[in-house]
Protein backbone atom coordinates (compact mmCIF):
# COMPACT_ATOMS: atom_id res chain seq x y z
CA MET A 1 27.06 -0.24 14.67
CA THR A 2 26.46 -0.46 10.93
CA ASN A 3 29.23 -0.74 8.39
CA ASN A 4 29.49 2.67 6.71
CA LEU A 5 28.91 0.98 3.35
CA THR A 6 25.82 -0.87 4.56
CA VAL A 7 22.33 0.47 5.13
CA ARG A 8 20.00 -1.64 7.27
CA ILE A 9 16.27 -1.00 7.04
CA ALA A 10 13.81 -2.31 9.62
CA GLN A 11 10.18 -2.95 8.63
CA GLY A 12 7.36 -4.59 10.50
CA THR A 13 7.22 -7.68 8.29
CA ASP A 14 9.31 -9.69 5.86
CA ALA A 15 8.55 -10.05 2.17
CA SER A 16 5.80 -12.54 1.35
CA THR A 17 7.31 -13.35 -2.06
CA MET A 18 9.92 -12.09 -4.50
CA ASP A 19 7.44 -12.16 -7.39
CA PRO A 20 6.56 -8.47 -7.83
CA PHE A 21 3.09 -9.35 -9.16
CA ALA A 22 1.98 -11.77 -6.45
CA HIS A 23 1.67 -9.53 -3.41
CA SER A 24 -0.19 -6.47 -2.13
CA GLU A 25 2.03 -5.28 0.75
CA THR A 26 4.14 -2.14 0.90
CA THR A 27 6.74 -3.99 2.96
CA THR A 28 7.27 -6.49 0.14
CA ALA A 29 7.25 -3.73 -2.48
CA ASN A 30 9.95 -1.82 -0.59
CA ILE A 31 12.30 -4.76 -1.00
CA LEU A 32 11.45 -5.41 -4.63
CA LEU A 33 11.70 -1.72 -5.57
CA GLN A 34 15.45 -2.07 -5.05
CA VAL A 35 15.65 -4.97 -7.50
CA TYR A 36 13.21 -3.95 -10.24
CA ASP A 37 12.32 -0.83 -12.21
CA SER A 38 9.07 0.37 -13.79
CA LEU A 39 8.36 2.27 -17.00
CA VAL A 40 7.67 5.46 -15.05
CA ARG A 41 8.08 6.39 -11.39
CA ARG A 42 7.14 9.20 -9.07
CA ASP A 43 9.79 11.58 -7.83
CA SER A 44 9.98 12.73 -4.21
CA GLU A 45 7.28 15.34 -4.91
CA MET A 46 4.99 12.61 -6.31
CA ASN A 47 5.24 13.83 -9.91
CA ILE A 48 5.38 11.09 -12.56
CA GLN A 49 8.72 10.99 -14.36
CA PRO A 50 10.25 8.84 -17.14
CA HIS A 51 12.20 5.82 -15.96
CA LEU A 52 12.62 2.72 -18.14
CA ALA A 53 10.44 4.60 -20.61
CA THR A 54 12.04 7.82 -21.84
CA SER A 55 8.81 9.25 -23.29
CA TRP A 56 5.30 8.30 -24.36
CA GLU A 57 2.68 9.42 -26.83
CA TYR A 58 -1.07 8.81 -26.91
CA VAL A 59 -1.99 7.68 -30.42
CA ASN A 60 -5.61 7.83 -29.29
CA ASP A 61 -7.42 7.19 -26.00
CA ARG A 62 -6.86 3.42 -26.36
CA GLU A 63 -3.31 3.24 -27.71
CA VAL A 64 -0.11 4.54 -26.12
CA ILE A 65 3.40 4.27 -27.51
CA PHE A 66 6.30 4.09 -25.04
CA ASN A 67 9.88 4.76 -26.06
CA LEU A 68 12.36 2.76 -23.96
CA ARG A 69 15.91 3.18 -22.73
CA ASP A 70 18.50 1.20 -24.68
CA ASP A 71 21.22 1.17 -22.01
CA VAL A 72 19.63 -1.04 -19.34
CA TYR A 73 20.75 -4.55 -18.32
CA TYR A 74 19.38 -7.16 -15.94
CA HIS A 75 21.44 -8.46 -13.05
CA HIS A 76 21.91 -11.77 -14.87
CA GLY A 77 23.43 -9.92 -17.86
CA ASN A 78 20.68 -9.82 -20.47
CA LYS A 79 19.70 -6.51 -22.02
CA PHE A 80 16.30 -4.98 -21.23
CA THR A 81 14.13 -4.84 -24.35
CA ALA A 82 10.58 -4.14 -25.47
CA SER A 83 9.73 -7.85 -25.31
CA ASP A 84 10.16 -7.71 -21.51
CA VAL A 85 7.59 -4.91 -21.31
CA LYS A 86 5.16 -6.94 -23.38
CA PHE A 87 5.77 -10.05 -21.25
CA SER A 88 5.39 -8.15 -17.96
CA ILE A 89 2.20 -6.32 -18.82
CA GLU A 90 0.52 -9.29 -20.49
CA ARG A 91 1.44 -11.54 -17.55
CA MET A 92 -0.20 -9.10 -15.14
CA VAL A 93 -3.39 -8.63 -17.19
CA ASP A 94 -3.82 -12.33 -18.05
CA PRO A 95 -7.37 -13.09 -16.82
CA LYS A 96 -6.22 -16.52 -15.60
CA MET A 97 -3.88 -14.79 -13.12
CA SER A 98 -6.33 -12.27 -11.64
CA ASP A 99 -7.01 -14.38 -8.55
CA ILE A 100 -3.29 -15.02 -8.03
CA PHE A 101 -2.05 -11.45 -8.50
CA PRO A 102 -3.75 -9.21 -5.88
CA PRO A 103 -3.06 -5.92 -7.74
CA ALA A 104 -4.38 -7.25 -11.08
CA GLY A 105 -7.50 -5.08 -10.92
CA ARG A 106 -5.36 -1.96 -11.00
CA PHE A 107 -4.09 -2.77 -14.47
CA ASN A 108 -7.11 -4.21 -16.22
CA SER A 109 -7.53 -1.31 -18.64
CA MET A 110 -4.62 -2.81 -20.60
CA VAL A 111 -5.30 -5.63 -23.06
CA SER A 112 -2.08 -6.32 -24.94
CA VAL A 113 1.26 -4.91 -26.05
CA ASP A 114 2.79 -4.74 -29.52
CA VAL A 115 6.58 -4.73 -29.85
CA LEU A 116 7.37 -2.08 -32.46
CA SER A 117 11.15 -2.38 -32.05
CA ASP A 118 13.67 -3.33 -29.37
CA ASP A 119 13.08 0.02 -27.70
CA GLN A 120 9.46 0.85 -28.51
CA VAL A 121 6.11 -0.69 -27.57
CA LYS A 122 2.46 0.11 -28.16
CA VAL A 123 0.10 -0.57 -25.26
CA HIS A 124 -3.51 -1.32 -26.18
CA LEU A 125 -6.35 -0.42 -23.80
CA HIS A 126 -9.94 -1.63 -23.87
CA ARG A 127 -11.09 1.69 -22.39
CA PRO A 128 -9.72 5.17 -21.80
CA ASP A 129 -7.81 5.16 -18.51
CA PRO A 130 -7.19 8.45 -16.65
CA ASN A 131 -4.78 6.61 -14.31
CA LEU A 132 -2.68 4.62 -16.76
CA LEU A 133 0.64 6.29 -15.94
CA ALA A 134 -0.07 6.28 -12.20
CA GLN A 135 -0.74 2.55 -12.40
CA LEU A 136 2.34 1.84 -14.50
CA ALA A 137 4.47 3.47 -11.81
CA GLY A 138 3.63 0.39 -9.75
CA LEU A 139 4.20 -2.28 -12.41
CA MET A 140 7.73 -3.67 -12.15
CA ILE A 141 9.24 -4.96 -15.38
CA ILE A 142 10.61 -8.49 -15.32
CA SER A 143 12.85 -10.41 -17.71
CA GLU A 144 11.00 -12.79 -20.00
CA SER A 145 14.10 -14.89 -20.65
CA TYR A 146 15.04 -15.18 -16.97
CA PHE A 147 11.50 -16.11 -15.97
CA ASN A 148 11.32 -18.81 -18.63
CA GLU A 149 14.79 -20.10 -17.79
CA VAL A 150 14.37 -20.50 -14.03
CA GLY A 151 10.63 -21.14 -13.83
CA GLU A 152 7.98 -19.52 -11.66
CA ALA A 153 8.96 -21.25 -8.41
CA LYS A 154 12.58 -20.10 -8.44
CA PHE A 155 11.59 -16.69 -9.81
CA SER A 156 9.42 -16.13 -6.72
CA VAL A 157 12.41 -16.52 -4.37
CA SER A 158 15.41 -15.49 -6.50
CA PRO A 159 14.67 -12.29 -8.46
CA SER A 160 16.78 -10.67 -11.17
CA GLY A 161 15.82 -7.18 -12.23
CA THR A 162 17.37 -4.02 -13.64
CA GLY A 163 17.32 -2.11 -10.35
CA PRO A 164 20.11 -0.47 -8.32
CA PHE A 165 20.57 -3.53 -6.05
CA LYS A 166 21.00 -7.24 -6.70
CA MET A 167 19.68 -10.04 -4.54
CA GLN A 168 22.31 -11.80 -2.44
CA ASN A 169 20.29 -13.89 -0.02
CA TRP A 170 16.81 -14.15 1.44
CA LYS A 171 16.90 -15.75 4.88
CA ARG A 172 13.18 -16.27 5.34
CA GLU A 173 13.56 -18.08 8.64
CA GLU A 174 15.27 -14.96 10.04
CA GLY A 175 13.15 -12.40 8.18
CA LYS A 176 16.21 -10.87 6.54
CA VAL A 177 16.96 -9.88 2.94
CA TYR A 178 20.50 -9.12 1.82
CA LEU A 179 21.25 -7.12 -1.32
CA GLU A 180 24.38 -5.72 -2.92
CA ARG A 181 24.88 -2.70 -5.13
CA ASN A 182 24.45 -3.02 -8.88
CA ASP A 183 27.50 -1.13 -10.09
CA ASN A 184 26.13 -1.15 -13.65
CA TYR A 185 22.84 0.54 -12.82
CA PHE A 186 21.79 2.90 -15.61
CA LEU A 187 21.43 5.86 -13.23
CA GLY A 188 24.80 5.30 -11.57
CA LYS A 189 25.97 3.77 -8.30
CA ALA A 190 24.09 4.02 -5.01
CA ASP A 191 25.93 5.53 -2.06
CA MET A 192 25.83 2.29 -0.09
CA GLU A 193 27.47 -0.94 -1.20
CA PHE A 194 25.20 -3.30 0.73
CA LEU A 195 21.55 -3.10 1.70
CA GLU A 196 19.64 -5.17 4.23
CA PHE A 197 15.95 -5.42 5.12
CA HIS A 198 15.09 -6.80 8.56
CA ALA A 199 11.61 -7.86 9.67
CA VAL A 200 11.16 -6.34 13.13
CA PRO A 201 7.49 -6.70 14.11
CA HIS A 202 7.63 -4.96 17.48
CA GLY A 203 7.96 -1.19 17.62
CA VAL A 204 10.05 -1.31 20.79
CA ASP A 205 12.69 -3.32 18.95
CA ARG A 206 12.75 -0.89 16.04
CA VAL A 207 13.17 1.97 18.52
CA GLU A 208 16.06 0.27 20.31
CA GLY A 209 17.61 -0.60 16.97
CA ILE A 210 17.63 3.04 15.91
CA LYS A 211 18.92 4.28 19.27
CA ASN A 212 21.79 1.77 19.13
CA LYS A 213 22.35 2.36 15.39
CA ILE A 214 21.71 -1.27 14.56
CA TYR A 215 19.32 0.03 11.90
CA ASP A 216 19.73 3.09 9.71
CA VAL A 217 16.06 3.44 8.76
CA ALA A 218 13.14 2.13 10.79
CA ALA A 219 9.70 2.27 9.17
CA ASN A 220 6.42 2.43 11.11
CA PHE A 221 8.24 4.21 13.89
CA PRO A 222 6.12 4.40 17.06
CA PRO A 223 5.08 8.04 17.53
CA LEU A 224 5.10 7.69 21.32
CA ASP A 225 8.89 7.23 21.18
CA LYS A 226 9.64 10.17 18.87
CA GLU A 227 10.49 12.73 21.55
CA ALA A 228 12.75 10.41 23.55
CA VAL A 229 14.65 9.17 20.50
CA GLU A 230 15.33 12.67 19.22
CA LYS A 231 17.24 13.37 22.43
CA GLU A 232 19.75 10.69 21.46
CA GLU A 233 22.90 11.79 19.65
CA GLY A 234 23.14 10.94 15.97
CA VAL A 235 19.57 9.78 15.43
CA THR A 236 16.35 11.53 14.51
CA VAL A 237 12.76 10.93 13.42
CA ALA A 238 11.21 12.22 10.19
CA GLY A 239 7.70 11.94 8.84
CA THR A 240 5.20 12.77 6.13
CA PRO A 241 1.45 12.51 5.49
CA SER A 242 0.91 9.19 3.78
CA VAL A 243 -1.14 7.64 1.00
CA GLY A 244 -1.83 4.91 3.53
CA ILE A 245 -5.19 4.92 5.23
CA ILE A 246 -6.35 2.71 8.08
CA TYR A 247 -9.87 1.30 8.21
CA MET A 248 -12.02 -1.46 9.63
CA GLY A 249 -13.50 -3.57 6.86
CA ILE A 250 -16.86 -5.11 7.64
CA ASN A 251 -18.47 -8.32 6.46
CA THR A 252 -21.81 -6.82 5.49
CA HIS A 253 -23.21 -10.33 4.94
CA HIS A 254 -22.66 -11.36 8.55
CA GLU A 255 -25.93 -12.11 10.37
CA ILE A 256 -25.34 -9.23 12.82
CA LEU A 257 -23.14 -6.82 10.84
CA SER A 258 -25.51 -6.91 7.87
CA ASN A 259 -27.55 -4.49 9.99
CA LYS A 260 -26.54 -1.06 8.66
CA LYS A 261 -27.60 0.71 11.84
CA LEU A 262 -25.22 -1.45 13.85
CA ARG A 263 -22.36 -0.48 11.54
CA HIS A 264 -23.19 3.18 12.07
CA ALA A 265 -23.49 2.65 15.82
CA ILE A 266 -19.95 1.26 15.86
CA SER A 267 -18.64 4.20 13.85
CA HIS A 268 -20.19 6.83 16.14
CA GLY A 269 -18.83 5.04 19.20
CA ILE A 270 -15.19 5.52 18.18
CA ASP A 271 -13.40 8.70 19.25
CA MET A 272 -10.69 8.68 16.60
CA LYS A 273 -9.34 12.14 17.45
CA THR A 274 -8.55 11.02 20.99
CA ILE A 275 -6.99 7.77 19.77
CA ILE A 276 -4.77 9.68 17.34
CA GLU A 277 -3.62 11.98 20.13
CA GLU A 278 -3.04 9.25 22.70
CA GLU A 279 -1.63 6.43 20.55
CA LEU A 280 -0.07 8.35 17.66
CA VAL A 281 0.88 11.67 19.35
CA GLY A 282 -1.19 13.50 16.76
CA CYS A 283 0.42 11.68 13.82
CA GLY A 284 -2.70 10.99 11.82
CA TYR A 285 -5.83 12.60 10.41
CA PRO A 286 -9.43 11.34 10.83
CA LEU A 287 -10.96 10.22 7.53
CA ALA A 288 -14.28 11.09 5.93
CA GLY A 289 -14.20 8.16 3.52
CA PRO A 290 -12.00 5.50 1.93
CA VAL A 291 -9.58 7.94 0.26
CA TYR A 292 -7.19 10.50 1.75
CA PRO A 293 -7.95 14.20 1.10
CA GLN A 294 -4.91 14.85 -1.15
CA ALA A 295 -6.26 12.50 -3.82
CA PHE A 296 -8.15 13.72 -6.87
CA GLY A 297 -11.91 14.10 -6.60
CA VAL A 298 -12.32 13.82 -2.82
CA ASP A 299 -15.39 15.76 -1.66
CA GLU A 300 -14.15 18.35 0.84
CA ASN A 301 -17.69 18.89 2.13
CA GLN A 302 -17.82 15.42 3.71
CA LYS A 303 -16.43 15.55 7.24
CA PRO A 304 -15.09 12.64 9.32
CA ILE A 305 -17.69 10.55 11.10
CA GLU A 306 -18.73 12.30 14.32
CA TYR A 307 -17.90 10.73 17.66
CA ASN A 308 -21.31 10.75 19.32
CA PRO A 309 -21.87 8.15 22.09
CA GLU A 310 -25.54 9.08 22.49
CA LYS A 311 -26.18 8.62 18.79
CA SER A 312 -24.30 5.33 18.94
CA ARG A 313 -26.51 4.07 21.78
CA GLN A 314 -29.66 5.20 19.95
CA LEU A 315 -28.63 3.46 16.73
CA LEU A 316 -27.77 0.34 18.71
CA LYS A 317 -31.28 0.41 20.17
CA GLU A 318 -32.86 0.93 16.73
CA ALA A 319 -30.79 -1.97 15.40
CA GLY A 320 -32.38 -4.23 18.00
CA PHE A 321 -29.42 -4.45 20.38
CA GLU A 322 -30.62 -2.36 23.31
CA GLU A 323 -29.00 -4.83 25.74
CA GLY A 324 -25.67 -4.65 23.88
CA VAL A 325 -23.93 -6.71 21.23
CA SER A 326 -20.63 -8.54 20.70
CA VAL A 327 -18.55 -8.18 17.53
CA LYS A 328 -15.01 -9.15 16.58
CA VAL A 329 -12.16 -7.41 14.76
CA GLU A 330 -9.04 -9.19 13.53
CA VAL A 331 -5.83 -7.15 13.63
CA PRO A 332 -2.27 -7.92 12.51
CA ASP A 333 0.48 -7.85 15.10
CA GLY A 334 2.89 -5.03 14.31
CA ARG A 335 2.20 -4.54 10.59
CA PHE A 336 0.75 -1.06 11.13
CA THR A 337 1.81 1.55 13.66
CA GLN A 338 0.19 0.80 17.05
CA ASP A 339 -2.28 -1.48 15.27
CA LYS A 340 -3.35 -3.74 18.11
CA GLU A 341 -3.02 -0.93 20.66
CA ILE A 342 -5.45 1.19 18.64
CA CYS A 343 -7.88 -1.73 18.48
CA PHE A 344 -7.69 -2.09 22.25
CA LYS A 345 -8.52 1.63 22.58
CA MET A 346 -11.52 1.20 20.29
CA ARG A 347 -12.59 -1.78 22.39
CA ASP A 348 -12.55 0.37 25.54
CA GLN A 349 -14.50 3.18 23.87
CA LEU A 350 -17.13 0.91 22.35
CA LYS A 351 -17.68 -0.81 25.67
CA GLU A 352 -19.02 2.52 26.96
CA VAL A 353 -21.88 2.43 24.44
CA GLY A 354 -22.77 -1.25 24.87
CA ILE A 355 -20.64 -2.81 22.14
CA ASP A 356 -18.32 -5.61 23.22
CA LEU A 357 -15.44 -5.60 20.71
CA GLU A 358 -13.32 -8.75 20.73
CA VAL A 359 -9.80 -7.96 19.46
CA ASP A 360 -8.30 -11.00 17.71
CA VAL A 361 -4.55 -10.36 17.21
CA ARG A 362 -2.93 -12.48 14.48
CA PRO A 363 0.54 -12.73 12.91
CA TRP A 364 0.75 -10.81 9.62
CA GLU A 365 1.20 -13.84 7.37
CA GLU A 366 -1.88 -15.48 8.82
CA PHE A 367 -3.84 -12.21 8.70
CA ILE A 368 -3.02 -11.40 5.06
CA GLY A 369 -3.70 -15.00 4.08
CA ARG A 370 -7.21 -14.74 5.49
CA PHE A 371 -7.63 -11.44 3.64
CA ARG A 372 -6.62 -12.91 0.29
CA ASN A 373 -8.74 -16.00 0.78
CA HIS A 374 -11.81 -13.98 1.81
CA GLN A 375 -12.07 -15.72 5.17
CA TYR A 376 -13.16 -12.81 7.37
CA ASP A 377 -16.37 -13.54 9.19
CA GLN A 378 -16.81 -10.16 10.91
CA MET A 379 -14.37 -7.20 10.83
CA TYR A 380 -10.70 -6.65 10.10
CA TYR A 381 -8.28 -3.78 10.79
CA VAL A 382 -5.99 -3.05 7.86
CA GLY A 383 -4.40 -0.35 5.73
CA TRP A 384 -4.64 0.60 2.08
CA GLY A 385 -1.75 2.36 0.36
CA ASN A 386 -3.27 4.09 -2.67
CA PHE A 387 -0.25 5.32 -4.62
CA THR A 388 -2.33 6.49 -7.62
CA PHE A 389 -3.73 9.56 -5.80
CA ASP A 390 -7.13 8.76 -7.30
CA PRO A 391 -10.37 7.24 -5.89
CA ASP A 392 -10.44 4.74 -8.77
CA GLU A 393 -7.79 2.69 -6.99
CA VAL A 394 -10.18 2.02 -4.10
CA TYR A 395 -13.69 2.11 -5.55
CA ARG A 396 -12.99 -0.17 -8.50
CA ASN A 397 -10.92 -2.67 -6.53
CA ALA A 398 -12.70 -2.74 -3.16
CA PHE A 399 -16.36 -2.14 -3.90
CA ILE A 400 -17.02 -4.29 -6.95
CA HIS A 401 -17.91 -7.91 -6.27
CA PRO A 402 -16.10 -10.20 -6.66
CA ARG A 403 -12.63 -8.73 -6.30
CA ALA A 404 -9.49 -10.00 -4.60
CA TRP A 405 -9.42 -6.78 -2.58
CA ASN A 406 -13.07 -7.10 -1.55
CA PRO A 407 -12.73 -9.92 0.99
CA THR A 408 -16.15 -9.39 2.54
CA HIS A 409 -18.01 -9.45 -0.81
CA PHE A 410 -19.73 -6.08 -0.33
CA SER A 411 -21.69 -4.98 -3.37
CA HIS A 412 -23.92 -2.04 -4.29
CA ASP A 413 -25.28 -1.70 -7.81
CA ARG A 414 -24.98 2.08 -8.12
CA MET A 415 -21.52 2.20 -6.56
CA GLU A 416 -20.36 -0.42 -9.04
CA GLU A 417 -21.82 1.62 -11.91
CA ILE A 418 -20.00 4.72 -10.68
CA ALA A 419 -16.69 2.89 -10.20
CA ILE A 420 -16.80 1.47 -13.72
CA GLU A 421 -18.00 4.70 -15.34
CA ALA A 422 -15.46 6.93 -13.58
CA SER A 423 -12.61 4.57 -14.50
CA LYS A 424 -13.03 5.25 -18.21
CA ILE A 425 -13.85 8.96 -18.30
CA LEU A 426 -11.10 11.47 -18.96
CA ASP A 427 -13.10 14.60 -18.06
CA PRO A 428 -12.09 15.54 -14.47
CA THR A 429 -15.28 17.49 -13.66
CA THR A 430 -17.54 14.54 -14.47
CA ARG A 431 -15.31 12.17 -12.56
CA GLN A 432 -15.36 14.42 -9.50
CA GLU A 433 -19.16 14.50 -9.52
CA LEU A 434 -19.30 10.73 -9.74
CA TYR A 435 -16.91 10.25 -6.83
CA SER A 436 -18.89 12.67 -4.68
CA GLU A 437 -21.94 10.48 -5.27
CA ALA A 438 -19.89 7.35 -4.53
CA LEU A 439 -18.74 8.84 -1.23
CA SER A 440 -22.34 9.56 -0.22
CA ILE A 441 -23.24 5.93 -0.91
CA PHE A 442 -20.20 4.78 1.04
CA ARG A 443 -21.18 6.89 4.04
CA ASP A 444 -24.72 5.51 3.95
CA GLU A 445 -23.77 1.84 3.50
CA LEU A 446 -20.56 1.96 5.58
CA PRO A 447 -18.90 -1.23 4.30
CA TRP A 448 -15.77 0.10 6.00
CA ILE A 449 -15.35 2.29 9.03
CA PRO A 450 -12.74 4.82 7.85
CA LEU A 451 -10.39 5.53 10.73
CA PHE A 452 -7.44 7.75 9.82
CA GLN A 453 -4.90 8.79 7.23
CA GLN A 454 -1.47 7.78 8.41
CA PHE A 455 1.35 10.20 9.12
CA ASP A 456 4.32 7.94 8.52
CA LEU A 457 7.31 8.23 10.83
CA TYR A 458 10.78 6.83 10.27
CA GLY A 459 13.61 6.52 12.74
CA LEU A 460 16.86 7.57 11.10
CA ASN A 461 20.58 7.22 11.66
CA GLU A 462 21.92 10.67 10.80
CA GLU A 463 24.92 9.13 9.05
CA TRP A 464 22.50 8.82 6.12
CA ILE A 465 20.12 11.33 4.53
CA PHE A 466 16.65 9.94 3.92
CA LYS A 467 13.51 11.85 2.91
CA PRO A 468 10.20 10.06 3.64
CA ARG A 469 7.86 9.79 0.68
CA MET A 470 4.11 10.23 0.78
CA ASP A 471 3.60 7.04 -1.27
CA GLU A 472 5.18 4.97 1.56
CA PHE A 473 7.88 3.59 -0.73
CA ILE A 474 11.56 3.42 0.14
CA TYR A 475 14.03 3.89 -2.71
CA ALA A 476 17.42 3.11 -1.22
CA PHE A 477 19.09 4.62 -4.27
CA ASP A 478 17.81 8.01 -3.04
CA ILE A 479 19.40 7.55 0.42
CA LYS A 480 22.62 9.51 0.48
CA LYS A 481 25.65 9.35 2.75
CA ASN A 482 25.71 12.38 5.05
CA ARG A 483 29.02 14.04 4.23
CA GLY A 484 28.18 17.28 6.00
């Protein structure tokens, strides 16, 4: 049983680092979100609200002034000031760091920051950016003095932020992170005194942990266990449509997978509706492209790729593989809900049309390392959590070569033109037209096979009140003790 002042959260993987700039995983972000704050943040309804910044004003389309709180302190005691905002933003957008910081492409509209006073900064952009505030919601502010004092190596394992919880201990060998409440947090005290994150890669263990109240929140909860768990006293399961989408990325330079007809044959041989029903109990939505339908500018006229075995066999024949073909997909073990199980289902379906899919299951750390180092030789199964609610997040970061988030080096001249043009236009009608064209190119080239939008489930101990967020983030400060 959990201490009533402690909340324990189970995720599929541990943090990869404590440097908020040097990772691309939601599981790492969920730990660091407790320690750090950003200039703005989204509320539970996904509306952008002031946070470390109290207000902002556009001087013009390339200059924005942010007014900052003057009552915020870091865990090590120093006061938060404008110089920390300048240091944080300029560290992220430093061109020398772009290969080291996976999310760097999200923030590259920003060039520099002027400190106007201790509580005011001016951010300079090299282009208009329709997503500036959405991006800044994901940029955690770090202390310049602390970073310089401890050095980058210690900073990456021993963070000190302004957030509602302070780091106690990171037991990497056990996959456990221990935090304690920051009683001086500028928004007040959290309901729990202690907070723990546990890496629990196997869904069955997260389920048992919720049933036995070892954990209070279990992310990536297996949908197949929802009904049984809800029969248990004092526990429940809650969910929400997610900004996370699941796809198979394809190395379009591979000697076999460079054949566009083969890529389409694979896509038509996958019955995603059946997989969602059987493996996710309906908790997911087939995708028409690389962005979920709630995002801005998604073309509603494009429907998910049709499951059509006959068309798959015909395309396979036209691609020159009438006798069948073998391909491989790499999949992480337990990072995404039913990840390897879904790949095994796809393997069985594709076998029926003459495609032999080898499923290569790898530990998450090894998998994400291969992703970052662009080592995929064929296909990979992964998710993308686009918290900006805009196609720019995907098209500009995944389909421009080279990019850290484009591990298979796909490129298409017109798609790159669209991604760059749409990223600096403020007119929504023009942007929507451009993204409709980009989606048509995507569907023709198929550098990814879009699989489904996630419906995130969480197992919950009813001693605490937790509302799942569409952006996949967990803010423990928002978890309240159930006093009903």
